[in-house]
Amino acid sequence: MKILIAASNMVHINNFHREYIQGFKNEGHDVYIMASGEGADFDIGFKKRSLSFKNWRLSKKIKKIIKEEKFDIIYLHTSLCAFWVRYALRGLKERPRVINTVHGYLFGKGFSKLHNFIYLRCERLLRKQTDVVVVMNDEDYEIATKNNLASERVEKIDGMGVKFPHIPLERKNKENKKTNLVFVGEISKRKNQIFLVRAMKRLPDMTLTLVGDGAERKEIEKLIKKENLGTRVQITGFTKDVYSYLSRADIYVSASKIEGLPFNIMEAMWAGIPIAATSIKGHCDLLPSECLYPTDNEDEFVKLVNTILETDIKYDIQKYSFDAVFEKNMKLYEASSEKQEILAQ
């Protein structure tokens, strides 16, 4: 088959899909990549703002590529790319099969009725251009099945697989005696790191390390300066050496407002670190209730981080490892290349 793997950017492709691309090639398929960035066969300069006028114009370019290349199947990833590729397919008399892997719908519980109406309406409008939907958490499965967001069926998987180190995490001695909170991820409104920084005013015996970079970094740095938190809150910038920061963490924290099945939480679970995370989809699928607090509830967050170290929590993490999910996911994707009724194992 001639396969197109499409995502918003090459960072996502490189982080989550290289092994799957090689797996398709090993099966004898021709595989092409559509994304923004170096290394893509079709470099599409998606604008991050979903309804940007540039993205509307790009849909014509996408449609032309798909018509000329005559792909047999398209595997979609990331919400932005999935929307615009399917939008480009509208009106085509003959189109490739489309498998949309949802890494987390950008709507659901905790969002306004208007927000959910708009995003759900978009998905419903593109149902005819979506043969199979693959989701990663229970809430998204319920959304997709209840609203018939696939023309054929909905499947649920245990994520794309995390490659955990084969040796246990070596805990490092800290230079200070304060309890160290750590979060790893893009600094963004969706990840909501600003909530964590604000909460530090009520946690004088703790430090916070934000591992990552992103669009909201300057705003958070202003808040750190304003609240005189410079000695207790650190932003590292982008790094690939995540585990060195996890080795210094006493508690892993997350204030995310929306997730699919987050790698960062699974890495913290593997490391055996106590976790305090928002009670949202993705987190609820991975973590016991003792680790969860309501989104944007500072009182409950402070209470949880002050008590979580006294709680003995065991995590069930191995089923999310790359070795556990890769073959199952490949079989599901291969089976999805033809119209047939199957169930994810």
C-alpha atoms as a PDB file:
ATOM      1  CA  MET A   1       0.000   0.000   0.000  1.00  0.00           C
ATOM      2  CA  LYS A   2       0.916   3.642  -0.356  1.00  0.00           C
ATOM      3  CA  ILE A   3       0.590   5.144   3.123  1.00  0.00           C
ATOM      4  CA  LEU A   4       0.555   8.753   4.296  1.00  0.00           C
ATOM      5  CA  ILE A   5       1.378   9.490   7.946  1.00  0.00           C
ATOM      6  CA  ALA A   6       0.217  13.015   8.769  1.00  0.00           C
ATOM      7  CA  ALA A   7       0.754  15.168  11.869  1.00  0.00           C
ATOM      8  CA  SER A   8       1.054  18.869  12.662  1.00  0.00           C
ATOM      9  CA  ASN A   9       4.845  18.842  12.975  1.00  0.00           C
ATOM     10  CA  MET A  10       7.924  16.656  12.705  1.00  0.00           C
ATOM     11  CA  VAL A  11       8.597  16.866  16.436  1.00  0.00           C
ATOM     12  CA  HIS A  12       5.457  14.798  17.031  1.00  0.00           C
ATOM     13  CA  ILE A  13       6.410  12.346  14.285  1.00  0.00           C
ATOM     14  CA  ASN A  14       9.933  11.888  15.638  1.00  0.00           C
ATOM     15  CA  ASN A  15       8.806  11.513  19.248  1.00  0.00           C
ATOM     16  CA  PHE A  16       5.973   9.032  18.763  1.00  0.00           C
ATOM     17  CA  HIS A  17       5.852   7.419  15.328  1.00  0.00           C
ATOM     18  CA  ARG A  18       9.273   6.547  13.924  1.00  0.00           C
ATOM     19  CA  GLU A  19       9.031   2.888  14.942  1.00  0.00           C
ATOM     20  CA  TYR A  20       5.551   2.613  13.446  1.00  0.00           C
ATOM     21  CA  ILE A  21       6.731   4.116  10.175  1.00  0.00           C
ATOM     22  CA  GLN A  22       9.573   1.597  10.058  1.00  0.00           C
ATOM     23  CA  GLY A  23       7.105  -1.163  10.920  1.00  0.00           C
ATOM     24  CA  PHE A  24       4.959  -0.274   7.897  1.00  0.00           C
ATOM     25  CA  LYS A  25       8.057  -0.207   5.690  1.00  0.00           C
ATOM     26  CA  ASN A  26       9.116  -3.627   6.991  1.00  0.00           C
ATOM     27  CA  GLU A  27       5.738  -4.932   5.832  1.00  0.00           C
ATOM     28  CA  GLY A  28       6.544  -3.727   2.310  1.00  0.00           C
ATOM     29  CA  HIS A  29       4.456  -0.549   2.273  1.00  0.00           C
ATOM     30  CA  ASP A  30       5.536   2.788   0.786  1.00  0.00           C
ATOM     31  CA  VAL A  31       5.312   5.379   3.549  1.00  0.00           C
ATOM     32  CA  TYR A  32       5.286   9.159   3.203  1.00  0.00           C
ATOM     33  CA  ILE A  33       5.156  11.861   5.883  1.00  0.00           C
ATOM     34  CA  MET A  34       3.090  15.042   5.792  1.00  0.00           C
ATOM     35  CA  ALA A  35       3.947  17.517   8.557  1.00  0.00           C
ATOM     36  CA  SER A  36       5.579  20.872   9.222  1.00  0.00           C
ATOM     37  CA  GLY A  37       9.351  20.750   9.514  1.00  0.00           C
ATOM     38  CA  GLU A  38      12.548  19.257   8.188  1.00  0.00           C
ATOM     39  CA  GLY A  39      12.309  15.585   7.220  1.00  0.00           C
ATOM     40  CA  ALA A  40       8.743  15.617   5.939  1.00  0.00           C
ATOM     41  CA  ASP A  41       8.084  14.390   2.408  1.00  0.00           C
ATOM     42  CA  PHE A  42       5.350  17.013   2.240  1.00  0.00           C
ATOM     43  CA  ASP A  43       6.282  19.996   4.400  1.00  0.00           C
ATOM     44  CA  ILE A  44       3.026  21.689   5.363  1.00  0.00           C
ATOM     45  CA  GLY A  45       3.441  24.908   7.288  1.00  0.00           C
ATOM     46  CA  PHE A  46       0.480  24.562   9.626  1.00  0.00           C
ATOM     47  CA  LYS A  47      -0.280  27.589  11.776  1.00  0.00           C
ATOM     48  CA  LYS A  48      -0.879  26.620  15.394  1.00  0.00           C
ATOM     49  CA  ARG A  49      -4.048  28.726  15.594  1.00  0.00           C
ATOM     50  CA  SER A  50      -6.588  26.251  14.227  1.00  0.00           C
ATOM     51  CA  LEU A  51      -8.762  28.611  12.173  1.00  0.00           C
ATOM     52  CA  SER A  52      -5.906  30.698  10.801  1.00  0.00           C
ATOM     53  CA  PHE A  53      -6.561  31.918   7.260  1.00  0.00           C
ATOM     54  CA  LYS A  54      -3.270  30.307   6.227  1.00  0.00           C
ATOM     55  CA  ASN A  55      -4.605  26.896   7.243  1.00  0.00           C
ATOM     56  CA  TRP A  56      -7.680  27.435   5.059  1.00  0.00           C
ATOM     57  CA  ARG A  57      -5.376  28.070   2.105  1.00  0.00           C
ATOM     58  CA  LEU A  58      -3.204  25.077   2.997  1.00  0.00           C
ATOM     59  CA  SER A  59      -6.231  22.784   2.710  1.00  0.00           C
ATOM     60  CA  LYS A  60      -6.184  23.335  -1.069  1.00  0.00           C
ATOM     61  CA  LYS A  61      -2.513  22.345  -1.180  1.00  0.00           C
ATOM     62  CA  ILE A  62      -3.258  19.229   0.877  1.00  0.00           C
ATOM     63  CA  LYS A  63      -6.129  18.243  -1.414  1.00  0.00           C
ATOM     64  CA  LYS A  64      -3.905  18.621  -4.489  1.00  0.00           C
ATOM     65  CA  ILE A  65      -1.180  16.433  -2.963  1.00  0.00           C
ATOM     66  CA  ILE A  66      -3.639  13.695  -2.015  1.00  0.00           C
ATOM     67  CA  LYS A  67      -5.268  13.711  -5.473  1.00  0.00           C
ATOM     68  CA  GLU A  68      -1.921  13.514  -7.257  1.00  0.00           C
ATOM     69  CA  GLU A  69      -0.251  10.950  -4.983  1.00  0.00           C
ATOM     70  CA  LYS A  70      -3.237   8.571  -4.801  1.00  0.00           C
ATOM     71  CA  PHE A  71      -2.553   7.219  -1.323  1.00  0.00           C
ATOM     72  CA  ASP A  72      -4.337   4.054  -0.260  1.00  0.00           C
ATOM     73  CA  ILE A  73      -4.596   5.019   3.396  1.00  0.00           C
ATOM     74  CA  ILE A  74      -3.927   8.039   5.609  1.00  0.00           C
ATOM     75  CA  TYR A  75      -3.035   7.711   9.282  1.00  0.00           C
ATOM     76  CA  LEU A  76      -3.777  11.000  11.033  1.00  0.00           C
ATOM     77  CA  HIS A  77      -2.264  12.306  14.288  1.00  0.00           C
ATOM     78  CA  THR A  78      -2.699  15.584  16.227  1.00  0.00           C
ATOM     79  CA  SER A  79      -5.966  17.520  16.243  1.00  0.00           C
ATOM     80  CA  LEU A  80      -4.851  20.396  14.016  1.00  0.00           C
ATOM     81  CA  CYS A  81      -3.565  18.180  11.229  1.00  0.00           C
ATOM     82  CA  ALA A  82      -6.451  15.718  11.525  1.00  0.00           C
ATOM     83  CA  PHE A  83      -8.981  18.503  11.019  1.00  0.00           C
ATOM     84  CA  TRP A  84      -7.386  20.098   7.982  1.00  0.00           C
ATOM     85  CA  VAL A  85      -6.495  16.895   6.157  1.00  0.00           C
ATOM     86  CA  ARG A  86     -10.042  15.582   6.540  1.00  0.00           C
ATOM     87  CA  TYR A  87     -11.421  18.970   5.546  1.00  0.00           C
ATOM     88  CA  ALA A  88      -9.309  18.794   2.377  1.00  0.00           C
ATOM     89  CA  LEU A  89     -10.814  15.387   1.564  1.00  0.00           C
ATOM     90  CA  ARG A  90     -14.342  16.789   1.371  1.00  0.00           C
ATOM     91  CA  GLY A  91     -15.723  16.601  -2.159  1.00  0.00           C
ATOM     92  CA  LEU A  92     -13.212  14.034  -3.434  1.00  0.00           C
ATOM     93  CA  LYS A  93     -15.005  11.311  -5.378  1.00  0.00           C
ATOM     94  CA  GLU A  94     -12.311   8.777  -4.535  1.00  0.00           C
ATOM     95  CA  ARG A  95     -10.395   9.232  -1.318  1.00  0.00           C
ATOM     96  CA  PRO A  96      -7.944   7.135   0.714  1.00  0.00           C
ATOM     97  CA  ARG A  97      -9.125   5.323   3.816  1.00  0.00           C
ATOM     98  CA  VAL A  98      -8.645   7.507   6.880  1.00  0.00           C
ATOM     99  CA  ILE A  99      -7.625   6.327  10.351  1.00  0.00           C
ATOM    100  CA  ASN A 100      -7.691   9.189  12.851  1.00  0.00           C
ATOM    101  CA  THR A 101      -5.647   8.501  15.981  1.00  0.00           C
ATOM    102  CA  VAL A 102      -6.890  10.909  18.642  1.00  0.00           C
ATOM    103  CA  HIS A 103      -4.189  11.799  21.158  1.00  0.00           C
ATOM    104  CA  GLY A 104      -6.846  13.634  23.172  1.00  0.00           C
ATOM    105  CA  TYR A 105      -9.939  15.437  21.889  1.00  0.00           C
ATOM    106  CA  LEU A 106      -9.659  19.158  22.649  1.00  0.00           C
ATOM    107  CA  PHE A 107     -13.090  19.145  24.249  1.00  0.00           C
ATOM    108  CA  GLY A 108     -15.008  17.196  26.879  1.00  0.00           C
ATOM    109  CA  LYS A 109     -15.674  17.418  30.597  1.00  0.00           C
ATOM    110  CA  GLY A 110     -14.584  20.660  32.214  1.00  0.00           C
ATOM    111  CA  PHE A 111     -15.065  22.828  29.119  1.00  0.00           C
ATOM    112  CA  SER A 112     -17.883  25.270  28.396  1.00  0.00           C
ATOM    113  CA  LYS A 113     -20.972  24.200  26.472  1.00  0.00           C
ATOM    114  CA  LEU A 114     -20.062  26.604  23.662  1.00  0.00           C
ATOM    115  CA  HIS A 115     -16.497  25.243  23.423  1.00  0.00           C
ATOM    116  CA  ASN A 116     -17.742  21.658  23.315  1.00  0.00           C
ATOM    117  CA  PHE A 117     -20.460  22.498  20.791  1.00  0.00           C
ATOM    118  CA  ILE A 118     -17.990  24.066  18.351  1.00  0.00           C
ATOM    119  CA  TYR A 119     -15.351  21.322  18.549  1.00  0.00           C
ATOM    120  CA  LEU A 120     -17.854  18.481  18.514  1.00  0.00           C
ATOM    121  CA  ARG A 121     -19.644  20.047  15.562  1.00  0.00           C
ATOM    122  CA  CYS A 122     -16.359  20.075  13.622  1.00  0.00           C
ATOM    123  CA  GLU A 123     -15.831  16.366  14.314  1.00  0.00           C
ATOM    124  CA  ARG A 124     -19.380  15.519  13.264  1.00  0.00           C
ATOM    125  CA  LEU A 125     -18.985  17.443  10.026  1.00  0.00           C
ATOM    126  CA  LEU A 126     -15.919  15.339   9.177  1.00  0.00           C
ATOM    127  CA  ARG A 127     -17.429  11.959  10.069  1.00  0.00           C
ATOM    128  CA  LYS A 128     -17.773  10.952   6.408  1.00  0.00           C
ATOM    129  CA  GLN A 129     -14.042  11.535   5.959  1.00  0.00           C
ATOM    130  CA  THR A 130     -13.192   9.382   9.008  1.00  0.00           C
ATOM    131  CA  ASP A 131     -13.374   5.605   8.580  1.00  0.00           C
ATOM    132  CA  VAL A 132     -11.853   4.565  11.923  1.00  0.00           C
ATOM    133  CA  VAL A 133     -11.192   6.550  15.086  1.00  0.00           C
ATOM    134  CA  VAL A 134      -8.505   5.309  17.495  1.00  0.00           C
ATOM    135  CA  VAL A 135      -8.587   6.808  21.012  1.00  0.00           C
ATOM    136  CA  MET A 136      -6.444   6.431  24.121  1.00  0.00           C
ATOM    137  CA  ASN A 137      -8.721   7.050  27.103  1.00  0.00           C
ATOM    138  CA  ASP A 138     -12.193   6.178  28.328  1.00  0.00           C
ATOM    139  CA  GLU A 139     -13.722   9.648  28.026  1.00  0.00           C
ATOM    140  CA  ASP A 140     -12.640  10.029  24.396  1.00  0.00           C
ATOM    141  CA  TYR A 141     -13.974   6.541  23.644  1.00  0.00           C
ATOM    142  CA  GLU A 142     -17.324   7.549  25.090  1.00  0.00           C
ATOM    143  CA  ILE A 143     -17.317  10.806  23.100  1.00  0.00           C
ATOM    144  CA  ALA A 144     -16.470   9.085  19.812  1.00  0.00           C
ATOM    145  CA  THR A 145     -18.958   6.215  20.174  1.00  0.00           C
ATOM    146  CA  LYS A 146     -21.841   8.272  21.584  1.00  0.00           C
ATOM    147  CA  ASN A 147     -21.542  10.861  18.809  1.00  0.00           C
ATOM    148  CA  ASN A 148     -20.738   8.416  15.967  1.00  0.00           C
ATOM    149  CA  LEU A 149     -17.525  10.223  15.043  1.00  0.00           C
ATOM    150  CA  ALA A 150     -16.315   7.364  12.828  1.00  0.00           C
ATOM    151  CA  SER A 151     -18.182   6.101   9.778  1.00  0.00           C
ATOM    152  CA  GLU A 152     -17.138   2.511  10.618  1.00  0.00           C
ATOM    153  CA  ARG A 153     -15.925   2.023  14.188  1.00  0.00           C
ATOM    154  CA  VAL A 154     -14.015   3.314  17.196  1.00  0.00           C
ATOM    155  CA  GLU A 155     -11.030   1.517  18.732  1.00  0.00           C
ATOM    156  CA  LYS A 156      -9.223   2.142  22.030  1.00  0.00           C
ATOM    157  CA  ILE A 157      -5.502   1.510  22.567  1.00  0.00           C
ATOM    158  CA  ASP A 158      -3.098   1.897  25.507  1.00  0.00           C
ATOM    159  CA  GLY A 159      -1.227   4.752  23.874  1.00  0.00           C
ATOM    160  CA  MET A 160       1.637   4.616  21.370  1.00  0.00           C
ATOM    161  CA  GLY A 161       4.025   3.115  23.920  1.00  0.00           C
ATOM    162  CA  VAL A 162       6.685   4.606  26.184  1.00  0.00           C
ATOM    163  CA  LYS A 163      10.284   3.390  26.042  1.00  0.00           C
ATOM    164  CA  PHE A 164      11.154   3.166  29.711  1.00  0.00           C
ATOM    165  CA  PRO A 165      14.836   2.780  30.668  1.00  0.00           C
ATOM    166  CA  HIS A 166      15.868  -0.816  31.356  1.00  0.00           C
ATOM    167  CA  ILE A 167      17.579   0.136  34.602  1.00  0.00           C
ATOM    168  CA  PRO A 168      15.888   1.569  37.712  1.00  0.00           C
ATOM    169  CA  LEU A 169      15.979   5.309  38.248  1.00  0.00           C
ATOM    170  CA  GLU A 170      18.870   6.293  40.498  1.00  0.00           C
ATOM    171  CA  ARG A 171      17.653   8.810  43.041  1.00  0.00           C
ATOM    172  CA  LYS A 172      20.090  11.711  43.445  1.00  0.00           C
ATOM    173  CA  ASN A 173      20.820  13.597  46.635  1.00  0.00           C
ATOM    174  CA  LYS A 174      19.475  17.130  46.552  1.00  0.00           C
ATOM    175  CA  GLU A 175      21.476  20.197  47.474  1.00  0.00           C
ATOM    176  CA  ASN A 176      18.587  21.700  49.447  1.00  0.00           C
ATOM    177  CA  LYS A 177      16.227  20.106  51.949  1.00  0.00           C
ATOM    178  CA  LYS A 178      13.022  21.493  50.484  1.00  0.00           C
ATOM    179  CA  THR A 179      10.475  19.170  48.865  1.00  0.00           C
ATOM    180  CA  ASN A 180      11.013  19.410  45.102  1.00  0.00           C
ATOM    181  CA  LEU A 181       7.988  19.456  42.770  1.00  0.00           C
ATOM    182  CA  VAL A 182       8.660  18.671  39.100  1.00  0.00           C
ATOM    183  CA  PHE A 183       6.619  18.977  35.914  1.00  0.00           C
ATOM    184  CA  VAL A 184       7.785  18.080  32.391  1.00  0.00           C
ATOM    185  CA  GLY A 185       6.078  19.476  29.316  1.00  0.00           C
ATOM    186  CA  GLU A 186       5.572  22.313  26.869  1.00  0.00           C
ATOM    187  CA  ILE A 187       4.920  25.568  28.712  1.00  0.00           C
ATOM    188  CA  SER A 188       1.428  26.421  27.500  1.00  0.00           C
ATOM    189  CA  LYS A 189      -2.036  27.463  28.623  1.00  0.00           C
ATOM    190  CA  ARG A 190      -3.214  23.892  28.135  1.00  0.00           C
ATOM    191  CA  LYS A 191      -0.518  22.520  30.446  1.00  0.00           C
ATOM    192  CA  ASN A 192      -1.403  25.305  32.895  1.00  0.00           C
ATOM    193  CA  GLN A 193       1.981  25.688  34.595  1.00  0.00           C
ATOM    194  CA  ILE A 194       0.957  29.162  35.739  1.00  0.00           C
ATOM    195  CA  PHE A 195      -1.382  27.493  38.254  1.00  0.00           C
ATOM    196  CA  LEU A 196       1.563  25.630  39.776  1.00  0.00           C
ATOM    197  CA  VAL A 197       3.607  28.819  40.096  1.00  0.00           C
ATOM    198  CA  ARG A 198       0.749  30.678  41.791  1.00  0.00           C
ATOM    199  CA  ALA A 199       0.289  27.818  44.237  1.00  0.00           C
ATOM    200  CA  MET A 200       3.942  28.060  45.314  1.00  0.00           C
ATOM    201  CA  LYS A 201       3.078  31.132  47.407  1.00  0.00           C
ATOM    202  CA  ARG A 202       1.278  28.703  49.745  1.00  0.00           C
ATOM    203  CA  LEU A 203       4.075  26.111  49.734  1.00  0.00           C
ATOM    204  CA  PRO A 204       7.047  27.913  51.325  1.00  0.00           C
ATOM    205  CA  ASP A 205       8.901  24.673  52.142  1.00  0.00           C
ATOM    206  CA  MET A 206       8.869  23.457  48.535  1.00  0.00           C
ATOM    207  CA  THR A 207      10.592  24.179  45.227  1.00  0.00           C
ATOM    208  CA  LEU A 208       9.208  23.791  41.704  1.00  0.00           C
ATOM    209  CA  THR A 209      11.118  22.744  38.588  1.00  0.00           C
ATOM    210  CA  LEU A 210       9.360  23.263  35.244  1.00  0.00           C
ATOM    211  CA  VAL A 211      11.158  21.175  32.633  1.00  0.00           C
ATOM    212  CA  GLY A 212      10.425  22.488  29.165  1.00  0.00           C
ATOM    213  CA  ASP A 213       9.861  25.600  27.090  1.00  0.00           C
ATOM    214  CA  GLY A 214       6.978  27.175  25.237  1.00  0.00           C
ATOM    215  CA  ALA A 215       4.833  30.162  24.354  1.00  0.00           C
ATOM    216  CA  GLU A 216       3.802  30.949  27.948  1.00  0.00           C
ATOM    217  CA  ARG A 217       7.322  31.014  29.370  1.00  0.00           C
ATOM    218  CA  LYS A 218       7.677  34.819  29.411  1.00  0.00           C
ATOM    219  CA  GLU A 219       4.342  35.275  31.187  1.00  0.00           C
ATOM    220  CA  ILE A 220       5.336  32.755  33.852  1.00  0.00           C
ATOM    221  CA  GLU A 221       8.762  34.356  34.288  1.00  0.00           C
ATOM    222  CA  LYS A 222       7.023  37.696  34.923  1.00  0.00           C
ATOM    223  CA  LEU A 223       4.859  36.058  37.592  1.00  0.00           C
ATOM    224  CA  ILE A 224       7.904  34.438  39.226  1.00  0.00           C
ATOM    225  CA  LYS A 225       9.595  37.831  39.428  1.00  0.00           C
ATOM    226  CA  LYS A 226       6.461  39.588  40.667  1.00  0.00           C
ATOM    227  CA  GLU A 227       5.924  37.087  43.484  1.00  0.00           C
ATOM    228  CA  ASN A 228       9.639  36.905  44.412  1.00  0.00           C
ATOM    229  CA  LEU A 229       9.749  33.161  43.692  1.00  0.00           C
ATOM    230  CA  GLY A 230      13.059  33.184  41.819  1.00  0.00           C
ATOM    231  CA  THR A 231      14.872  31.140  44.468  1.00  0.00           C
ATOM    232  CA  ARG A 232      12.179  28.436  44.527  1.00  0.00           C
ATOM    233  CA  VAL A 233      10.897  28.146  40.946  1.00  0.00           C
ATOM    234  CA  GLN A 234      13.140  27.103  38.070  1.00  0.00           C
ATOM    235  CA  ILE A 235      12.378  26.839  34.335  1.00  0.00           C
ATOM    236  CA  THR A 236      14.955  24.640  32.620  1.00  0.00           C
ATOM    237  CA  GLY A 237      14.115  25.168  28.961  1.00  0.00           C
ATOM    238  CA  PHE A 238      13.929  22.293  26.517  1.00  0.00           C
ATOM    239  CA  THR A 239      15.898  19.169  27.406  1.00  0.00           C
ATOM    240  CA  LYS A 240      15.999  15.543  26.345  1.00  0.00           C
ATOM    241  CA  ASP A 241      17.435  14.503  29.700  1.00  0.00           C
ATOM    242  CA  VAL A 242      14.074  14.238  31.471  1.00  0.00           C
ATOM    243  CA  TYR A 243      15.098  11.432  33.804  1.00  0.00           C
ATOM    244  CA  SER A 244      17.846  13.487  35.455  1.00  0.00           C
ATOM    245  CA  TYR A 245      15.143  15.864  36.689  1.00  0.00           C
ATOM    246  CA  LEU A 246      12.829  13.026  37.707  1.00  0.00           C
ATOM    247  CA  SER A 247      15.687  11.607  39.773  1.00  0.00           C
ATOM    248  CA  ARG A 248      15.625  14.778  41.884  1.00  0.00           C
ATOM    249  CA  ALA A 249      11.829  14.947  42.215  1.00  0.00           C
ATOM    250  CA  ASP A 250      10.039  14.303  45.486  1.00  0.00           C
ATOM    251  CA  ILE A 251       6.591  14.818  43.931  1.00  0.00           C
ATOM    252  CA  TYR A 252       5.580  14.966  40.278  1.00  0.00           C
ATOM    253  CA  VAL A 253       2.840  17.548  39.663  1.00  0.00           C
ATOM    254  CA  SER A 254       0.555  18.389  36.770  1.00  0.00           C
ATOM    255  CA  ALA A 255      -2.065  21.114  36.392  1.00  0.00           C
ATOM    256  CA  SER A 256      -2.993  20.179  32.796  1.00  0.00           C
ATOM    257  CA  LYS A 257      -6.488  21.054  31.641  1.00  0.00           C
ATOM    258  CA  ILE A 258      -6.673  18.408  28.919  1.00  0.00           C
ATOM    259  CA  GLU A 259      -4.666  15.298  27.975  1.00  0.00           C
ATOM    260  CA  GLY A 260      -4.876  12.148  25.900  1.00  0.00           C
ATOM    261  CA  LEU A 261      -2.672   9.573  27.602  1.00  0.00           C
ATOM    262  CA  PRO A 262       0.295  11.668  28.734  1.00  0.00           C
ATOM    263  CA  PHE A 263       3.836  10.339  28.433  1.00  0.00           C
ATOM    264  CA  ASN A 264       5.076  12.594  31.218  1.00  0.00           C
ATOM    265  CA  ILE A 265       2.731  11.038  33.763  1.00  0.00           C
ATOM    266  CA  MET A 266       3.705   7.532  32.645  1.00  0.00           C
ATOM    267  CA  GLU A 267       7.406   8.368  32.992  1.00  0.00           C
ATOM    268  CA  ALA A 268       6.788   9.618  36.536  1.00  0.00           C
ATOM    269  CA  MET A 269       4.822   6.436  37.282  1.00  0.00           C
ATOM    270  CA  TRP A 270       7.720   4.322  36.003  1.00  0.00           C
ATOM    271  CA  ALA A 271      10.075   6.292  38.270  1.00  0.00           C
ATOM    272  CA  GLY A 272       7.822   5.519  41.244  1.00  0.00           C
ATOM    273  CA  ILE A 273       7.419   9.178  42.191  1.00  0.00           C
ATOM    274  CA  PRO A 274       4.347  10.324  44.162  1.00  0.00           C
ATOM    275  CA  ILE A 275       2.071  12.185  41.729  1.00  0.00           C
ATOM    276  CA  ALA A 276      -0.429  15.017  42.206  1.00  0.00           C
ATOM    277  CA  ALA A 277      -2.354  15.605  38.973  1.00  0.00           C
ATOM    278  CA  THR A 278      -5.606  17.123  37.797  1.00  0.00           C
ATOM    279  CA  SER A 279      -8.659  14.890  37.630  1.00  0.00           C
ATOM    280  CA  ILE A 280      -9.007  14.946  33.843  1.00  0.00           C
ATOM    281  CA  LYS A 281      -9.202  12.339  31.098  1.00  0.00           C
ATOM    282  CA  GLY A 282      -5.879  10.612  30.577  1.00  0.00           C
ATOM    283  CA  HIS A 283      -4.855  11.230  34.165  1.00  0.00           C
ATOM    284  CA  CYS A 284      -7.939   9.381  35.429  1.00  0.00           C
ATOM    285  CA  ASP A 285      -7.113   6.437  33.145  1.00  0.00           C
ATOM    286  CA  LEU A 286      -3.581   6.161  34.520  1.00  0.00           C
ATOM    287  CA  LEU A 287      -3.713   7.184  38.161  1.00  0.00           C
ATOM    288  CA  PRO A 288      -5.596   6.096  41.303  1.00  0.00           C
ATOM    289  CA  SER A 289      -7.974   8.621  42.852  1.00  0.00           C
ATOM    290  CA  GLU A 290      -5.492   9.319  45.679  1.00  0.00           C
ATOM    291  CA  CYS A 291      -3.290  11.157  43.159  1.00  0.00           C
ATOM    292  CA  LEU A 292      -5.965  13.433  41.691  1.00  0.00           C
ATOM    293  CA  TYR A 293      -7.332  16.877  42.494  1.00  0.00           C
ATOM    294  CA  PRO A 294      -9.939  19.090  40.730  1.00  0.00           C
ATOM    295  CA  THR A 295      -8.616  21.317  37.939  1.00  0.00           C
ATOM    296  CA  ASP A 296      -7.641  24.839  39.063  1.00  0.00           C
ATOM    297  CA  ASN A 297      -8.549  24.074  42.687  1.00  0.00           C
ATOM    298  CA  GLU A 298      -5.623  25.519  44.609  1.00  0.00           C
ATOM    299  CA  ASP A 299      -6.904  24.442  48.027  1.00  0.00           C
ATOM    300  CA  GLU A 300      -7.118  20.779  46.997  1.00  0.00           C
ATOM    301  CA  PHE A 301      -3.767  20.917  45.205  1.00  0.00           C
ATOM    302  CA  VAL A 302      -1.979  22.326  48.256  1.00  0.00           C
ATOM    303  CA  LYS A 303      -3.671  19.774  50.482  1.00  0.00           C
ATOM    304  CA  LEU A 304      -2.652  16.904  48.189  1.00  0.00           C
ATOM    305  CA  VAL A 305       1.022  17.828  47.820  1.00  0.00           C
ATOM    306  CA  ASN A 306       1.261  18.271  51.584  1.00  0.00           C
ATOM    307  CA  THR A 307      -0.020  14.727  52.204  1.00  0.00           C
ATOM    308  CA  ILE A 308       0.933  12.656  49.135  1.00  0.00           C
ATOM    309  CA  LEU A 309       4.363  11.729  50.522  1.00  0.00           C
ATOM    310  CA  GLU A 310       2.625   9.887  53.357  1.00  0.00           C
ATOM    311  CA  THR A 311       0.591   7.760  50.928  1.00  0.00           C
ATOM    312  CA  ASP A 312       1.916   4.398  49.709  1.00  0.00           C
ATOM    313  CA  ILE A 313       0.819   4.174  46.070  1.00  0.00           C
ATOM    314  CA  LYS A 314       1.682   1.459  43.541  1.00  0.00           C
ATOM    315  CA  TYR A 315       1.329   2.127  39.828  1.00  0.00           C
ATOM    316  CA  ASP A 316       0.323  -0.263  37.031  1.00  0.00           C
ATOM    317  CA  ILE A 317       2.585   0.952  34.238  1.00  0.00           C
ATOM    318  CA  GLN A 318       3.983  -1.962  32.222  1.00  0.00           C
ATOM    319  CA  LYS A 319       0.950  -2.331  29.947  1.00  0.00           C
ATOM    320  CA  TYR A 320       1.727   1.138  28.551  1.00  0.00           C
ATOM    321  CA  SER A 321       5.321   0.317  27.622  1.00  0.00           C
ATOM    322  CA  PHE A 322       6.393   0.323  23.985  1.00  0.00           C
ATOM    323  CA  ASP A 323       7.113  -3.416  24.087  1.00  0.00           C
ATOM    324  CA  ALA A 324       3.590  -4.094  25.368  1.00  0.00           C
ATOM    325  CA  VAL A 325       1.649  -2.020  22.824  1.00  0.00           C
ATOM    326  CA  PHE A 326       3.649  -1.867  19.591  1.00  0.00           C
ATOM    327  CA  GLU A 327       2.667  -5.216  18.064  1.00  0.00           C
ATOM    328  CA  LYS A 328      -0.982  -4.829  19.126  1.00  0.00           C
ATOM    329  CA  ASN A 329      -1.167  -1.361  17.621  1.00  0.00           C
ATOM    330  CA  MET A 330       0.495  -2.459  14.384  1.00  0.00           C
ATOM    331  CA  LYS A 331      -2.040  -5.280  14.000  1.00  0.00           C
ATOM    332  CA  LEU A 332      -4.892  -2.867  14.615  1.00  0.00           C
ATOM    333  CA  TYR A 333      -3.543  -0.361  12.080  1.00  0.00           C
ATOM    334  CA  GLU A 334      -2.962  -3.075   9.494  1.00  0.00           C
ATOM    335  CA  ALA A 335      -6.470  -4.453  10.027  1.00  0.00           C
ATOM    336  CA  SER A 336      -7.891  -0.946   9.674  1.00  0.00           C
ATOM    337  CA  SER A 337      -6.560  -0.763   6.120  1.00  0.00           C
ATOM    338  CA  GLU A 338      -9.612  -2.747   5.019  1.00  0.00           C
ATOM    339  CA  LYS A 339     -13.260  -2.365   5.911  1.00  0.00           C
ATOM    340  CA  GLN A 340     -14.000  -5.012   8.509  1.00  0.00           C
ATOM    341  CA  GLU A 341     -15.298  -5.367  12.045  1.00  0.00           C
ATOM    342  CA  ILE A 342     -12.531  -5.880  14.603  1.00  0.00           C
ATOM    343  CA  LEU A 343     -12.085  -5.091  18.279  1.00  0.00           C
ATOM    344  CA  ALA A 344      -8.920  -3.817  19.925  1.00  0.00           C
ATOM    345  CA  GLN A 345      -7.418  -6.348  22.281  1.00  0.00           C
END
